[in-house]
Amino acid sequence: MSETADSPISRSAYLLDGRRVTVRDLLDAGLLEAGTTLRFKRPRKGKTHYASCVPRNSAVLEVPGG
């Protein structure tokens, strides 16, 4: 599923059984593996955040210089 300026993804595309999709959902579905690096771009803020999936079925935010 891709998003363009002309066709934003609706909120319902991010829901699973009426709730937000979690990192655990993606790991359980085999779509992510522990050790995978995730990237979240915030173009309006000019920032990019990174996180790593960990075996506890969650993600750990990587803080630059921290």
N, C-alpha and C. Protein backbone atom coordinates (compact mmCIF):
# COMPACT_ATOMS: atom_id res chain seq x y z
N MET A 1 0.85 -1.17 0.00
CA MET A 1 0.00 0.00 0.00
C MET A 1 0.90 1.23 0.00
N SER A 2 0.67 2.14 -0.94
CA SER A 2 1.49 3.33 -1.00
C SER A 2 0.62 4.56 -0.85
N GLU A 3 1.26 5.65 -0.47
CA GLU A 3 0.55 6.89 -0.25
C GLU A 3 1.15 7.96 -1.14
N THR A 4 0.30 8.73 -1.79
CA THR A 4 0.78 9.84 -2.60
C THR A 4 0.08 11.10 -2.13
N ALA A 5 0.57 12.24 -2.58
CA ALA A 5 -0.04 13.51 -2.20
C ALA A 5 -1.48 13.59 -2.68
N ASP A 6 -1.78 12.92 -3.79
CA ASP A 6 -3.13 12.97 -4.36
C ASP A 6 -4.09 11.97 -3.73
N SER A 7 -3.58 10.91 -3.11
CA SER A 7 -4.46 9.88 -2.56
C SER A 7 -3.97 9.42 -1.19
N PRO A 8 -4.24 10.21 -0.15
CA PRO A 8 -3.81 9.80 1.19
C PRO A 8 -4.53 8.54 1.64
N ILE A 9 -3.85 7.74 2.46
CA ILE A 9 -4.43 6.51 2.99
C ILE A 9 -5.40 6.89 4.10
N SER A 10 -6.58 6.29 4.07
CA SER A 10 -7.56 6.60 5.10
C SER A 10 -7.16 5.97 6.43
N ARG A 11 -7.68 6.53 7.51
CA ARG A 11 -7.38 6.03 8.85
C ARG A 11 -7.74 4.55 8.99
N SER A 12 -8.82 4.11 8.34
CA SER A 12 -9.26 2.72 8.47
C SER A 12 -8.22 1.75 7.92
N ALA A 13 -7.34 2.21 7.03
CA ALA A 13 -6.30 1.34 6.48
C ALA A 13 -5.27 0.97 7.54
N TYR A 14 -5.20 1.74 8.62
CA TYR A 14 -4.24 1.49 9.69
C TYR A 14 -4.84 0.68 10.84
N LEU A 15 -6.09 0.27 10.71
CA LEU A 15 -6.76 -0.42 11.81
C LEU A 15 -6.84 -1.92 11.57
N LEU A 16 -6.75 -2.68 12.65
CA LEU A 16 -6.89 -4.13 12.64
C LEU A 16 -7.92 -4.46 13.71
N ASP A 17 -9.05 -5.01 13.31
CA ASP A 17 -10.14 -5.29 14.25
C ASP A 17 -10.53 -4.04 15.05
N GLY A 18 -10.52 -2.87 14.38
CA GLY A 18 -10.93 -1.63 15.01
C GLY A 18 -9.90 -0.97 15.89
N ARG A 19 -8.67 -1.49 15.92
CA ARG A 19 -7.61 -0.87 16.73
C ARG A 19 -6.38 -0.66 15.86
N ARG A 20 -5.47 0.17 16.34
CA ARG A 20 -4.25 0.43 15.59
C ARG A 20 -3.38 -0.82 15.51
N VAL A 21 -2.71 -0.99 14.40
CA VAL A 21 -1.78 -2.10 14.23
C VAL A 21 -0.55 -1.83 15.09
N THR A 22 -0.08 -2.84 15.81
CA THR A 22 1.08 -2.69 16.68
C THR A 22 2.30 -3.41 16.10
N VAL A 23 3.46 -3.12 16.68
CA VAL A 23 4.68 -3.82 16.27
C VAL A 23 4.50 -5.32 16.50
N ARG A 24 3.86 -5.69 17.59
CA ARG A 24 3.63 -7.11 17.87
C ARG A 24 2.79 -7.76 16.78
N ASP A 25 1.76 -7.07 16.29
CA ASP A 25 0.95 -7.60 15.20
C ASP A 25 1.82 -7.90 13.98
N LEU A 26 2.72 -6.99 13.65
CA LEU A 26 3.59 -7.17 12.48
C LEU A 26 4.59 -8.30 12.69
N LEU A 27 5.12 -8.43 13.91
CA LEU A 27 6.03 -9.53 14.22
C LEU A 27 5.29 -10.87 14.17
N ASP A 28 4.10 -10.91 14.77
CA ASP A 28 3.31 -12.15 14.78
C ASP A 28 2.93 -12.60 13.37
N ALA A 29 2.71 -11.63 12.48
CA ALA A 29 2.32 -11.94 11.09
C ALA A 29 3.54 -12.29 10.23
N GLY A 30 4.73 -12.17 10.80
CA GLY A 30 5.95 -12.47 10.04
C GLY A 30 6.34 -11.36 9.08
N LEU A 31 5.76 -10.17 9.25
CA LEU A 31 6.08 -9.04 8.39
C LEU A 31 7.31 -8.28 8.88
N LEU A 32 7.67 -8.46 10.14
CA LEU A 32 8.87 -7.88 10.74
C LEU A 32 9.60 -8.97 11.50
N GLU A 33 10.90 -8.83 11.63
CA GLU A 33 11.70 -9.74 12.45
C GLU A 33 12.43 -8.93 13.50
N ALA A 34 12.74 -9.55 14.63
CA ALA A 34 13.55 -8.90 15.66
C ALA A 34 14.85 -8.44 15.01
N GLY A 35 15.26 -7.23 15.33
CA GLY A 35 16.47 -6.67 14.75
C GLY A 35 16.21 -5.76 13.56
N THR A 36 14.98 -5.76 13.05
CA THR A 36 14.62 -4.89 11.93
C THR A 36 14.64 -3.43 12.38
N THR A 37 15.21 -2.57 11.57
CA THR A 37 15.21 -1.13 11.85
C THR A 37 14.02 -0.49 11.15
N LEU A 38 13.27 0.29 11.91
CA LEU A 38 12.11 1.00 11.38
C LEU A 38 12.46 2.48 11.22
N ARG A 39 11.86 3.14 10.22
CA ARG A 39 12.10 4.55 9.98
C ARG A 39 10.77 5.27 9.93
N PHE A 40 10.68 6.38 10.64
CA PHE A 40 9.47 7.21 10.66
C PHE A 40 9.88 8.62 10.26
N LYS A 41 9.48 9.03 9.04
CA LYS A 41 9.84 10.35 8.54
C LYS A 41 8.76 11.36 8.90
N ARG A 42 9.20 12.53 9.35
CA ARG A 42 8.30 13.64 9.66
C ARG A 42 8.73 14.84 8.81
N PRO A 43 8.33 14.85 7.54
CA PRO A 43 8.80 15.89 6.61
C PRO A 43 8.48 17.32 7.06
N ARG A 44 7.33 17.52 7.64
CA ARG A 44 6.98 18.88 8.08
C ARG A 44 7.91 19.37 9.18
N LYS A 45 8.40 18.46 10.00
CA LYS A 45 9.32 18.81 11.09
C LYS A 45 10.78 18.72 10.63
N GLY A 46 10.99 18.12 9.45
CA GLY A 46 12.35 17.94 8.96
C GLY A 46 13.13 16.92 9.77
N LYS A 47 12.44 15.93 10.33
CA LYS A 47 13.08 14.93 11.18
C LYS A 47 12.78 13.52 10.70
N THR A 48 13.69 12.62 10.98
CA THR A 48 13.49 11.20 10.74
C THR A 48 13.85 10.48 12.02
N HIS A 49 12.96 9.63 12.51
CA HIS A 49 13.18 8.86 13.73
C HIS A 49 13.42 7.40 13.34
N TYR A 50 14.26 6.72 14.10
CA TYR A 50 14.55 5.31 13.86
C TYR A 50 14.26 4.52 15.13
N ALA A 51 13.84 3.27 14.94
CA ALA A 51 13.61 2.36 16.06
C ALA A 51 14.01 0.96 15.61
N SER A 52 14.38 0.11 16.57
CA SER A 52 14.72 -1.28 16.27
C SER A 52 13.72 -2.19 16.94
N CYS A 53 13.27 -3.22 16.22
CA CYS A 53 12.40 -4.23 16.80
C CYS A 53 13.24 -5.11 17.71
N VAL A 54 12.70 -5.42 18.87
CA VAL A 54 13.41 -6.28 19.83
C VAL A 54 12.58 -7.54 20.07
N PRO A 55 13.24 -8.61 20.55
CA PRO A 55 12.53 -9.89 20.73
C PRO A 55 11.30 -9.84 21.63
N ARG A 56 11.15 -8.82 22.45
CA ARG A 56 9.98 -8.73 23.34
C ARG A 56 8.75 -8.25 22.59
N ASN A 57 8.79 -8.30 21.24
CA ASN A 57 7.66 -7.88 20.40
C ASN A 57 7.33 -6.41 20.56
N SER A 58 8.35 -5.59 20.64
CA SER A 58 8.15 -4.15 20.71
C SER A 58 9.27 -3.48 19.94
N ALA A 59 9.33 -2.16 20.03
CA ALA A 59 10.38 -1.42 19.34
C ALA A 59 11.06 -0.49 20.34
N VAL A 60 12.34 -0.26 20.11
CA VAL A 60 13.11 0.64 20.95
C VAL A 60 13.55 1.82 20.09
N LEU A 61 13.19 3.02 20.50
CA LEU A 61 13.54 4.23 19.77
C LEU A 61 15.03 4.48 19.90
N GLU A 62 15.67 4.76 18.78
CA GLU A 62 17.09 5.08 18.77
C GLU A 62 17.24 6.58 18.84
N VAL A 63 17.90 7.07 19.89
CA VAL A 63 18.08 8.48 20.09
C VAL A 63 19.49 8.86 19.65
N PRO A 64 19.61 9.72 18.63
CA PRO A 64 20.95 10.12 18.18
C PRO A 64 21.74 10.79 19.29
N GLY A 65 22.98 10.37 19.46
CA GLY A 65 23.86 10.95 20.47
C GLY A 65 23.48 10.63 21.90
N GLY A 66 22.53 9.69 22.08
CA GLY A 66 22.04 9.42 23.43
C GLY A 66 22.38 8.11 23.98
